[in-house]
């Protein structure tokens, strides 16, 4: 189970990294009086950065869910082990 938790933490960090890259890659403030070509370039860059952000967010959420599921499974395994030890001592 430790390997599963480590793998989910690695993907959690990868998702955060991709999310940050998407924020950094965003084109920023639009041009004041852009030509149509400049506006098209800005819109393409904005769309691309939003896609990167959505990929990063989805990787982050899936890996966070996997990490939480691993924690919950460990919690229930620990409770079951404690119940078994208490029954054996009686």
Protein backbone atom coordinates (compact mmCIF):
# COMPACT_ATOMS: atom_id res chain seq x y z
CA UNK A 1 0.00 0.00 0.00
CA UNK A 2 2.99 2.28 0.52
CA UNK A 3 3.83 2.08 -3.17
CA UNK A 4 0.28 3.07 -4.09
CA UNK A 5 0.46 6.06 -1.76
CA UNK A 6 3.83 7.13 -3.17
CA UNK A 7 2.61 6.82 -6.74
CA UNK A 8 -0.49 8.87 -5.96
CA UNK A 9 1.68 11.53 -4.30
CA UNK A 10 3.91 11.68 -7.37
CA UNK A 11 0.89 12.17 -9.61
CA UNK A 12 -0.45 14.76 -7.17
CA UNK A 13 2.76 16.74 -7.56
CA UNK A 14 2.71 16.29 -11.33
CA UNK A 15 -0.85 17.63 -11.45
CA UNK A 16 0.09 20.67 -9.37
CA UNK A 17 3.12 21.28 -11.60
CA UNK A 18 1.04 21.11 -14.77
CA UNK A 19 -1.53 23.43 -13.21
CA UNK A 20 1.18 25.96 -12.37
CA UNK A 21 2.62 25.71 -15.90
CA UNK A 22 -0.85 26.45 -17.27
CA UNK A 23 -1.12 29.57 -15.11
CA UNK A 24 2.36 30.76 -16.07
CA UNK A 25 1.80 30.10 -19.77
CA UNK A 26 -1.37 32.22 -19.86
CA UNK A 27 -0.84 35.17 -22.22
CA UNK A 28 -1.76 37.74 -19.55
CA UNK A 29 -3.37 41.08 -20.29
CA UNK A 30 -4.82 41.34 -23.81
CA UNK A 31 -3.60 43.94 -26.27
CA UNK A 32 -5.23 47.35 -26.09
CA UNK A 33 -6.22 47.76 -29.76
CA UNK A 34 -5.34 44.43 -31.35
CA UNK A 35 -5.54 43.57 -34.99
CA UNK A 36 -7.53 40.50 -35.90
CA UNK A 37 -4.35 38.45 -36.23
CA UNK A 38 -3.11 39.53 -32.77
CA UNK A 39 -6.52 38.74 -31.30
CA UNK A 40 -6.49 35.27 -32.88
CA UNK A 41 -3.00 34.56 -31.50
CA UNK A 42 -4.06 35.74 -28.03
CA UNK A 43 -7.20 33.58 -28.11
CA UNK A 44 -5.21 30.51 -29.23
CA UNK A 45 -2.67 30.98 -26.44
CA UNK A 46 -5.42 31.52 -23.87
CA UNK A 47 -7.26 28.40 -25.04
CA UNK A 48 -4.07 26.34 -24.93
CA UNK A 49 -3.24 27.48 -21.40
CA UNK A 50 -6.80 26.74 -20.24
CA UNK A 51 -6.48 23.21 -21.65
CA UNK A 52 -3.19 22.72 -19.82
CA UNK A 53 -4.81 23.96 -16.60
CA UNK A 54 -7.75 21.60 -17.01
CA UNK A 55 -5.41 18.64 -17.61
CA UNK A 56 -3.40 19.55 -14.53
CA UNK A 57 -6.53 19.97 -12.44
CA UNK A 58 -7.96 16.63 -13.55
CA UNK A 59 -4.67 14.82 -12.81
CA UNK A 60 -4.55 16.53 -9.42
CA UNK A 61 -8.14 15.63 -8.52
CA UNK A 62 -7.85 12.00 -9.61
CA UNK A 63 -4.58 11.49 -7.74
CA UNK A 64 -5.97 13.29 -4.66
CA UNK A 65 -8.98 10.97 -4.73
CA UNK A 66 -6.69 7.95 -5.07
CA UNK A 67 -4.58 9.19 -2.17
CA UNK A 68 -7.67 9.64 0.01
CA UNK A 69 -8.96 6.21 -0.93
CA UNK A 70 -5.62 4.72 0.09
CA UNK A 71 -5.81 6.52 3.41
CA UNK A 72 -9.37 5.28 3.98
CA UNK A 73 -8.37 1.72 3.12
CA UNK A 74 -5.44 1.93 5.54
CA UNK A 75 -7.75 3.29 8.21
CA UNK A 76 -10.19 0.40 7.87
CA UNK A 77 -7.37 -2.14 7.73
CA UNK A 78 -6.01 -0.71 10.97
CA UNK A 79 -9.42 -0.96 12.64
CA UNK A 80 -9.84 -4.56 11.51
CA UNK A 81 -6.39 -5.46 12.85
CA UNK A 82 -7.22 -3.87 16.19
CA UNK A 83 -10.52 -5.77 16.40
CA UNK A 84 -8.72 -9.02 15.70
CA UNK A 85 -6.13 -8.33 18.40
CA UNK A 86 -8.80 -7.49 20.97
CA UNK A 87 -10.74 -10.69 20.25
CA UNK A 88 -7.59 -12.81 20.53
CA UNK A 89 -6.72 -11.41 23.95
CA UNK A 90 -10.14 -12.40 25.43
